Amino acid sequence: MQNENTLEQSLALTFAAAWHHLESRLDQNLGAIRGISLAEYRLLNALGNAPGSQASRVDLAQAVGLTPSGVTRALRPMEKLGIVSTLKSKRDARLSIAAMTPAGRELLNNASAVVDDAMKSIIKRTPKVAGQLNELIELLQEFER
């Protein structure tokens, strides 16, 4: 007997498949052109959007869905490459703040162009999505709540 998926199961599986396709495509493009992964791009983007391009590991972790220790592990190689730096908090010496460097800002700007190009290519192949992009974004934002 064949098991039919419920509407909720179909939604979950479709989201997972779409995310896998998107993540693979963006990882491939970012890696080939800028040498970073989508996860690293998301981290840089969150840092770049933070006030003064500075944020605590905890704030970055919340923004990208990692643990603070996961953020620390991800930032370590970026720090060695001069993309980010670590500052000590003026209010709490135990707290370290990640700060984007000028090289990090340049990488983020270049990587953002790669993401834009890849997404335009994907959207171009999906006319239904292209015509309702704002609505799709609003619907997906509902899942974040």
N, C-alpha and C. Protein backbone atom coordinates (compact mmCIF):
# COMPACT_ATOMS: atom_id res chain seq x y z
N MET A 1 0.84 -1.19 0.00
CA MET A 1 0.00 0.00 0.00
C MET A 1 0.88 1.25 0.00
N GLN A 2 0.56 2.18 -0.86
CA GLN A 2 1.34 3.40 -0.99
C GLN A 2 0.87 4.43 0.04
N ASN A 3 1.84 5.06 0.70
CA ASN A 3 1.53 6.07 1.70
C ASN A 3 1.45 7.43 1.02
N GLU A 4 0.30 8.07 1.10
CA GLU A 4 0.15 9.41 0.52
C GLU A 4 0.50 10.44 1.57
N ASN A 5 1.19 11.47 1.15
CA ASN A 5 1.57 12.53 2.07
C ASN A 5 0.39 13.47 2.32
N THR A 6 0.32 13.93 3.54
CA THR A 6 -0.68 14.96 3.85
C THR A 6 -0.22 16.27 3.23
N LEU A 7 -1.09 17.23 3.20
CA LEU A 7 -0.75 18.55 2.66
C LEU A 7 0.40 19.16 3.46
N GLU A 8 0.37 18.98 4.77
CA GLU A 8 1.43 19.51 5.64
C GLU A 8 2.77 18.83 5.35
N GLN A 9 2.74 17.51 5.16
CA GLN A 9 3.95 16.78 4.82
C GLN A 9 4.49 17.23 3.47
N SER A 10 3.60 17.41 2.51
CA SER A 10 4.01 17.87 1.18
C SER A 10 4.66 19.25 1.27
N LEU A 11 4.08 20.11 2.09
CA LEU A 11 4.66 21.45 2.27
C LEU A 11 6.07 21.35 2.84
N ALA A 12 6.23 20.55 3.89
CA ALA A 12 7.54 20.39 4.53
C ALA A 12 8.56 19.81 3.55
N LEU A 13 8.17 18.79 2.81
CA LEU A 13 9.09 18.16 1.86
C LEU A 13 9.42 19.08 0.69
N THR A 14 8.44 19.84 0.25
CA THR A 14 8.68 20.78 -0.85
C THR A 14 9.61 21.90 -0.41
N PHE A 15 9.41 22.42 0.80
CA PHE A 15 10.32 23.43 1.35
C PHE A 15 11.74 22.87 1.42
N ALA A 16 11.87 21.66 1.92
CA ALA A 16 13.20 21.05 2.06
C ALA A 16 13.87 20.88 0.70
N ALA A 17 13.12 20.41 -0.28
CA ALA A 17 13.69 20.21 -1.61
C ALA A 17 14.07 21.55 -2.25
N ALA A 18 13.22 22.55 -2.10
CA ALA A 18 13.51 23.87 -2.67
C ALA A 18 14.74 24.47 -1.99
N TRP A 19 14.82 24.36 -0.67
CA TRP A 19 15.98 24.89 0.04
C TRP A 19 17.26 24.17 -0.38
N HIS A 20 17.18 22.85 -0.52
CA HIS A 20 18.35 22.08 -0.94
C HIS A 20 18.85 22.57 -2.30
N HIS A 21 17.92 22.75 -3.25
CA HIS A 21 18.29 23.21 -4.59
C HIS A 21 18.91 24.60 -4.52
N LEU A 22 18.28 25.49 -3.79
CA LEU A 22 18.76 26.86 -3.66
C LEU A 22 20.13 26.91 -2.98
N GLU A 23 20.26 26.18 -1.88
CA GLU A 23 21.52 26.16 -1.14
C GLU A 23 22.65 25.60 -2.00
N SER A 24 22.37 24.52 -2.72
CA SER A 24 23.40 23.92 -3.58
C SER A 24 23.84 24.88 -4.66
N ARG A 25 22.89 25.53 -5.29
CA ARG A 25 23.20 26.47 -6.38
C ARG A 25 24.01 27.66 -5.86
N LEU A 26 23.57 28.24 -4.74
CA LEU A 26 24.28 29.40 -4.20
C LEU A 26 25.65 29.01 -3.66
N ASP A 27 25.75 27.87 -3.00
CA ASP A 27 27.05 27.37 -2.52
C ASP A 27 28.02 27.22 -3.68
N GLN A 28 27.54 26.61 -4.75
CA GLN A 28 28.39 26.37 -5.92
C GLN A 28 28.85 27.70 -6.52
N ASN A 29 27.93 28.64 -6.72
CA ASN A 29 28.29 29.92 -7.33
C ASN A 29 29.20 30.74 -6.43
N LEU A 30 28.86 30.83 -5.16
CA LEU A 30 29.69 31.60 -4.23
C LEU A 30 31.08 30.99 -4.08
N GLY A 31 31.13 29.68 -4.00
CA GLY A 31 32.41 29.00 -3.85
C GLY A 31 33.31 29.17 -5.06
N ALA A 32 32.71 29.05 -6.24
CA ALA A 32 33.49 29.14 -7.47
C ALA A 32 33.97 30.56 -7.74
N ILE A 33 33.14 31.54 -7.42
CA ILE A 33 33.47 32.92 -7.79
C ILE A 33 34.13 33.70 -6.65
N ARG A 34 33.69 33.49 -5.42
CA ARG A 34 34.20 34.26 -4.28
C ARG A 34 34.90 33.43 -3.22
N GLY A 35 34.84 32.11 -3.34
CA GLY A 35 35.55 31.24 -2.40
C GLY A 35 34.92 31.14 -1.02
N ILE A 36 33.62 31.44 -0.92
CA ILE A 36 32.94 31.30 0.37
C ILE A 36 31.69 30.44 0.18
N SER A 37 31.18 29.92 1.28
CA SER A 37 29.96 29.12 1.25
C SER A 37 28.75 30.02 1.49
N LEU A 38 27.58 29.47 1.26
CA LEU A 38 26.36 30.21 1.55
C LEU A 38 26.27 30.50 3.04
N ALA A 39 26.68 29.56 3.88
CA ALA A 39 26.65 29.78 5.34
C ALA A 39 27.55 30.95 5.72
N GLU A 40 28.73 31.03 5.10
CA GLU A 40 29.64 32.15 5.38
C GLU A 40 29.05 33.46 4.85
N TYR A 41 28.41 33.41 3.69
CA TYR A 41 27.76 34.60 3.15
C TYR A 41 26.66 35.09 4.11
N ARG A 42 25.85 34.16 4.60
CA ARG A 42 24.77 34.54 5.52
C ARG A 42 25.34 35.21 6.77
N LEU A 43 26.44 34.69 7.26
CA LEU A 43 27.09 35.27 8.43
C LEU A 43 27.63 36.67 8.13
N LEU A 44 28.31 36.80 7.00
CA LEU A 44 28.82 38.12 6.59
C LEU A 44 27.68 39.11 6.36
N ASN A 45 26.60 38.65 5.77
CA ASN A 45 25.45 39.52 5.52
C ASN A 45 24.84 40.00 6.83
N ALA A 46 24.69 39.09 7.79
CA ALA A 46 24.15 39.47 9.10
C ALA A 46 25.07 40.48 9.78
N LEU A 47 26.36 40.25 9.70
CA LEU A 47 27.32 41.18 10.29
C LEU A 47 27.29 42.53 9.57
N GLY A 48 27.22 42.49 8.25
CA GLY A 48 27.17 43.72 7.47
C GLY A 48 25.93 44.54 7.73
N ASN A 49 24.83 43.88 8.10
CA ASN A 49 23.58 44.58 8.37
C ASN A 49 23.44 45.02 9.83
N ALA A 50 24.36 44.58 10.67
CA ALA A 50 24.32 44.96 12.09
C ALA A 50 24.77 46.42 12.23
N PRO A 51 24.31 47.10 13.28
CA PRO A 51 24.73 48.49 13.49
C PRO A 51 26.26 48.61 13.55
N GLY A 52 26.80 49.47 12.72
CA GLY A 52 28.24 49.65 12.68
C GLY A 52 29.00 48.45 12.16
N SER A 53 28.28 47.52 11.53
CA SER A 53 28.87 46.25 11.05
C SER A 53 29.61 45.53 12.17
N GLN A 54 29.02 45.58 13.37
CA GLN A 54 29.57 44.89 14.54
C GLN A 54 28.44 44.18 15.27
N ALA A 55 28.73 42.98 15.77
CA ALA A 55 27.71 42.22 16.50
C ALA A 55 28.37 41.19 17.40
N SER A 56 27.67 40.85 18.45
CA SER A 56 28.16 39.78 19.32
C SER A 56 27.93 38.43 18.64
N ARG A 57 28.63 37.42 19.10
CA ARG A 57 28.45 36.07 18.55
C ARG A 57 27.01 35.59 18.78
N VAL A 58 26.45 35.95 19.93
CA VAL A 58 25.08 35.55 20.25
C VAL A 58 24.10 36.16 19.26
N ASP A 59 24.26 37.46 18.97
CA ASP A 59 23.37 38.13 18.01
C ASP A 59 23.51 37.52 16.61
N LEU A 60 24.73 37.23 16.21
CA LEU A 60 24.95 36.61 14.90
C LEU A 60 24.34 35.21 14.87
N ALA A 61 24.49 34.48 15.96
CA ALA A 61 23.93 33.13 16.02
C ALA A 61 22.42 33.17 15.83
N GLN A 62 21.77 34.11 16.50
CA GLN A 62 20.31 34.24 16.35
C GLN A 62 19.93 34.63 14.93
N ALA A 63 20.73 35.46 14.30
CA ALA A 63 20.42 35.93 12.95
C ALA A 63 20.54 34.83 11.90
N VAL A 64 21.46 33.89 12.09
CA VAL A 64 21.69 32.87 11.06
C VAL A 64 21.32 31.46 11.48
N GLY A 65 20.84 31.28 12.69
CA GLY A 65 20.39 29.96 13.13
C GLY A 65 21.50 29.01 13.51
N LEU A 66 22.60 29.54 14.03
CA LEU A 66 23.68 28.71 14.55
C LEU A 66 23.78 28.89 16.06
N THR A 67 24.61 28.11 16.69
CA THR A 67 24.93 28.33 18.10
C THR A 67 26.04 29.37 18.16
N PRO A 68 26.19 30.06 19.30
CA PRO A 68 27.30 31.00 19.42
C PRO A 68 28.66 30.34 19.18
N SER A 69 28.84 29.10 19.64
CA SER A 69 30.12 28.43 19.39
C SER A 69 30.28 28.10 17.91
N GLY A 70 29.18 27.80 17.23
CA GLY A 70 29.22 27.57 15.78
C GLY A 70 29.63 28.83 15.04
N VAL A 71 29.13 29.97 15.49
CA VAL A 71 29.52 31.25 14.90
C VAL A 71 31.00 31.50 15.13
N THR A 72 31.48 31.24 16.34
CA THR A 72 32.90 31.42 16.65
C THR A 72 33.76 30.56 15.73
N ARG A 73 33.38 29.29 15.54
CA ARG A 73 34.13 28.40 14.65
C ARG A 73 34.10 28.90 13.21
N ALA A 74 32.97 29.42 12.77
CA ALA A 74 32.85 29.91 11.40
C ALA A 74 33.64 31.20 11.19
N LEU A 75 33.71 32.05 12.22
CA LEU A 75 34.40 33.33 12.09
C LEU A 75 35.92 33.19 12.16
N ARG A 76 36.41 32.16 12.82
CA ARG A 76 37.86 31.99 13.01
C ARG A 76 38.65 32.04 11.70
N PRO A 77 38.28 31.24 10.69
CA PRO A 77 39.04 31.34 9.44
C PRO A 77 38.86 32.69 8.73
N MET A 78 37.69 33.29 8.89
CA MET A 78 37.46 34.61 8.29
C MET A 78 38.34 35.67 8.95
N GLU A 79 38.57 35.49 10.23
CA GLU A 79 39.44 36.42 10.94
C GLU A 79 40.89 36.27 10.44
N LYS A 80 41.31 35.03 10.23
CA LYS A 80 42.67 34.79 9.73
C LYS A 80 42.87 35.38 8.34
N LEU A 81 41.78 35.44 7.56
CA LEU A 81 41.85 36.00 6.21
C LEU A 81 41.66 37.52 6.20
N GLY A 82 41.40 38.11 7.37
CA GLY A 82 41.24 39.56 7.45
C GLY A 82 39.87 40.06 7.03
N ILE A 83 38.89 39.17 6.99
CA ILE A 83 37.53 39.54 6.59
C ILE A 83 36.75 40.12 7.77
N VAL A 84 37.02 39.58 8.95
CA VAL A 84 36.41 40.08 10.18
C VAL A 84 37.52 40.24 11.23
N SER A 85 37.21 41.02 12.23
CA SER A 85 38.13 41.15 13.36
C SER A 85 37.32 40.99 14.64
N THR A 86 38.02 40.76 15.74
CA THR A 86 37.36 40.61 17.02
C THR A 86 37.71 41.80 17.91
N LEU A 87 36.69 42.39 18.49
CA LEU A 87 36.86 43.50 19.42
C LEU A 87 36.33 43.07 20.78
N LYS A 88 36.84 43.66 21.83
CA LYS A 88 36.31 43.42 23.17
C LYS A 88 35.22 44.43 23.44
N SER A 89 34.16 43.98 24.07
CA SER A 89 33.06 44.87 24.40
C SER A 89 33.52 45.91 25.42
N LYS A 90 33.08 47.15 25.22
CA LYS A 90 33.42 48.22 26.17
C LYS A 90 32.66 48.07 27.47
N ARG A 91 31.49 47.42 27.40
CA ARG A 91 30.65 47.24 28.60
C ARG A 91 30.98 45.98 29.39
N ASP A 92 31.40 44.92 28.67
CA ASP A 92 31.64 43.63 29.33
C ASP A 92 32.89 43.00 28.72
N ALA A 93 33.96 42.95 29.45
CA ALA A 93 35.25 42.45 28.94
C ALA A 93 35.18 40.98 28.53
N ARG A 94 34.19 40.24 29.05
CA ARG A 94 34.05 38.82 28.69
C ARG A 94 33.43 38.65 27.31
N LEU A 95 32.78 39.69 26.82
CA LEU A 95 32.05 39.61 25.56
C LEU A 95 32.93 40.08 24.40
N SER A 96 33.02 39.24 23.37
CA SER A 96 33.77 39.66 22.18
C SER A 96 32.78 40.01 21.08
N ILE A 97 33.16 40.99 20.32
CA ILE A 97 32.33 41.52 19.25
C ILE A 97 33.01 41.23 17.92
N ALA A 98 32.25 40.72 16.97
CA ALA A 98 32.77 40.53 15.61
C ALA A 98 32.56 41.83 14.85
N ALA A 99 33.57 42.25 14.12
CA ALA A 99 33.49 43.48 13.34
C ALA A 99 33.94 43.19 11.91
N MET A 100 33.22 43.72 10.96
CA MET A 100 33.59 43.54 9.56
C MET A 100 34.73 44.50 9.21
N THR A 101 35.71 44.00 8.51
CA THR A 101 36.83 44.82 8.05
C THR A 101 36.49 45.37 6.66
N PRO A 102 37.27 46.32 6.17
CA PRO A 102 37.04 46.80 4.80
C PRO A 102 37.12 45.66 3.76
N ALA A 103 38.04 44.73 3.97
CA ALA A 103 38.13 43.57 3.06
C ALA A 103 36.87 42.72 3.14
N GLY A 104 36.31 42.60 4.33
CA GLY A 104 35.06 41.87 4.51
C GLY A 104 33.90 42.56 3.83
N ARG A 105 33.86 43.88 3.91
CA ARG A 105 32.80 44.65 3.24
C ARG A 105 32.90 44.47 1.73
N GLU A 106 34.11 44.49 1.20
CA GLU A 106 34.30 44.30 -0.23
C GLU A 106 33.85 42.89 -0.65
N LEU A 107 34.24 41.89 0.15
CA LEU A 107 33.82 40.51 -0.14
C LEU A 107 32.31 40.40 -0.08
N LEU A 108 31.68 40.99 0.93
CA LEU A 108 30.23 40.93 1.05
C LEU A 108 29.57 41.58 -0.16
N ASN A 109 30.05 42.73 -0.58
CA ASN A 109 29.47 43.41 -1.75
C ASN A 109 29.59 42.55 -3.00
N ASN A 110 30.77 41.97 -3.20
CA ASN A 110 30.99 41.11 -4.38
C ASN A 110 30.15 39.84 -4.31
N ALA A 111 30.09 39.23 -3.13
CA ALA A 111 29.30 38.01 -2.96
C ALA A 111 27.81 38.30 -3.13
N SER A 112 27.36 39.46 -2.68
CA SER A 112 25.96 39.84 -2.84
C SER A 112 25.59 39.93 -4.32
N ALA A 113 26.50 40.42 -5.14
CA ALA A 113 26.27 40.47 -6.58
C ALA A 113 26.15 39.07 -7.16
N VAL A 114 26.95 38.14 -6.65
CA VAL A 114 26.88 36.74 -7.10
C VAL A 114 25.51 36.16 -6.72
N VAL A 115 25.06 36.42 -5.50
CA VAL A 115 23.75 35.93 -5.06
C VAL A 115 22.65 36.53 -5.93
N ASP A 116 22.73 37.83 -6.18
CA ASP A 116 21.73 38.48 -7.05
C ASP A 116 21.67 37.81 -8.42
N ASP A 117 22.83 37.60 -9.03
CA ASP A 117 22.87 36.99 -10.36
C ASP A 117 22.30 35.57 -10.35
N ALA A 118 22.67 34.79 -9.34
CA ALA A 118 22.17 33.41 -9.26
C ALA A 118 20.66 33.40 -9.05
N MET A 119 20.17 34.28 -8.19
CA MET A 119 18.73 34.32 -7.94
C MET A 119 17.96 34.81 -9.17
N LYS A 120 18.50 35.77 -9.88
CA LYS A 120 17.86 36.23 -11.12
C LYS A 120 17.75 35.10 -12.12
N SER A 121 18.79 34.28 -12.20
CA SER A 121 18.79 33.14 -13.11
C SER A 121 17.73 32.13 -12.71
N ILE A 122 17.62 31.86 -11.42
CA ILE A 122 16.63 30.90 -10.93
C ILE A 122 15.22 31.45 -11.16
N ILE A 123 15.01 32.71 -10.83
CA ILE A 123 13.69 33.33 -10.97
C ILE A 123 13.27 33.40 -12.43
N LYS A 124 14.22 33.64 -13.31
CA LYS A 124 13.93 33.74 -14.74
C LYS A 124 13.32 32.43 -15.26
N ARG A 125 13.75 31.30 -14.68
CA ARG A 125 13.24 29.99 -15.11
C ARG A 125 11.91 29.64 -14.47
N THR A 126 11.43 30.48 -13.56
CA THR A 126 10.17 30.20 -12.87
C THR A 126 9.25 31.42 -12.99
N PRO A 127 8.57 31.55 -14.13
CA PRO A 127 7.76 32.74 -14.38
C PRO A 127 6.67 33.00 -13.33
N LYS A 128 6.08 31.94 -12.78
CA LYS A 128 5.05 32.14 -11.74
C LYS A 128 5.64 32.86 -10.53
N VAL A 129 6.84 32.44 -10.15
CA VAL A 129 7.52 33.05 -9.01
C VAL A 129 7.90 34.49 -9.34
N ALA A 130 8.43 34.70 -10.53
CA ALA A 130 8.86 36.04 -10.93
C ALA A 130 7.72 37.05 -10.84
N GLY A 131 6.52 36.62 -11.20
CA GLY A 131 5.38 37.53 -11.18
C GLY A 131 4.83 37.80 -9.79
N GLN A 132 5.22 36.99 -8.81
CA GLN A 132 4.68 37.14 -7.46
C GLN A 132 5.77 37.14 -6.41
N LEU A 133 6.90 37.72 -6.74
CA LEU A 133 8.06 37.69 -5.86
C LEU A 133 7.80 38.35 -4.51
N ASN A 134 7.20 39.52 -4.51
CA ASN A 134 6.93 40.20 -3.23
C ASN A 134 5.98 39.39 -2.35
N GLU A 135 4.97 38.80 -2.97
CA GLU A 135 4.02 37.99 -2.21
C GLU A 135 4.71 36.75 -1.63
N LEU A 136 5.58 36.13 -2.42
CA LEU A 136 6.30 34.95 -1.95
C LEU A 136 7.18 35.30 -0.76
N ILE A 137 7.88 36.41 -0.85
CA ILE A 137 8.74 36.84 0.26
C ILE A 137 7.91 37.06 1.51
N GLU A 138 6.77 37.73 1.37
CA GLU A 138 5.89 37.98 2.53
C GLU A 138 5.41 36.67 3.13
N LEU A 139 5.01 35.71 2.30
CA LEU A 139 4.55 34.43 2.81
C LEU A 139 5.66 33.69 3.55
N LEU A 140 6.85 33.68 2.98
CA LEU A 140 7.97 32.99 3.63
C LEU A 140 8.35 33.67 4.94
N GLN A 141 8.22 34.98 5.00
CA GLN A 141 8.52 35.70 6.25
C GLN A 141 7.55 35.31 7.36
N GLU A 142 6.36 34.89 6.99
CA GLU A 142 5.39 34.42 7.99
C GLU A 142 5.93 33.19 8.72
N PHE A 143 6.71 32.35 8.05
CA PHE A 143 7.26 31.16 8.68
C PHE A 143 8.36 31.50 9.69
N GLU A 144 8.94 32.67 9.58
CA GLU A 144 10.00 33.08 10.51
C GLU A 144 9.45 33.43 11.88
N ARG A 145 8.21 33.70 11.95
CA ARG A 145 7.61 34.17 13.22
C ARG A 145 7.34 33.05 14.17
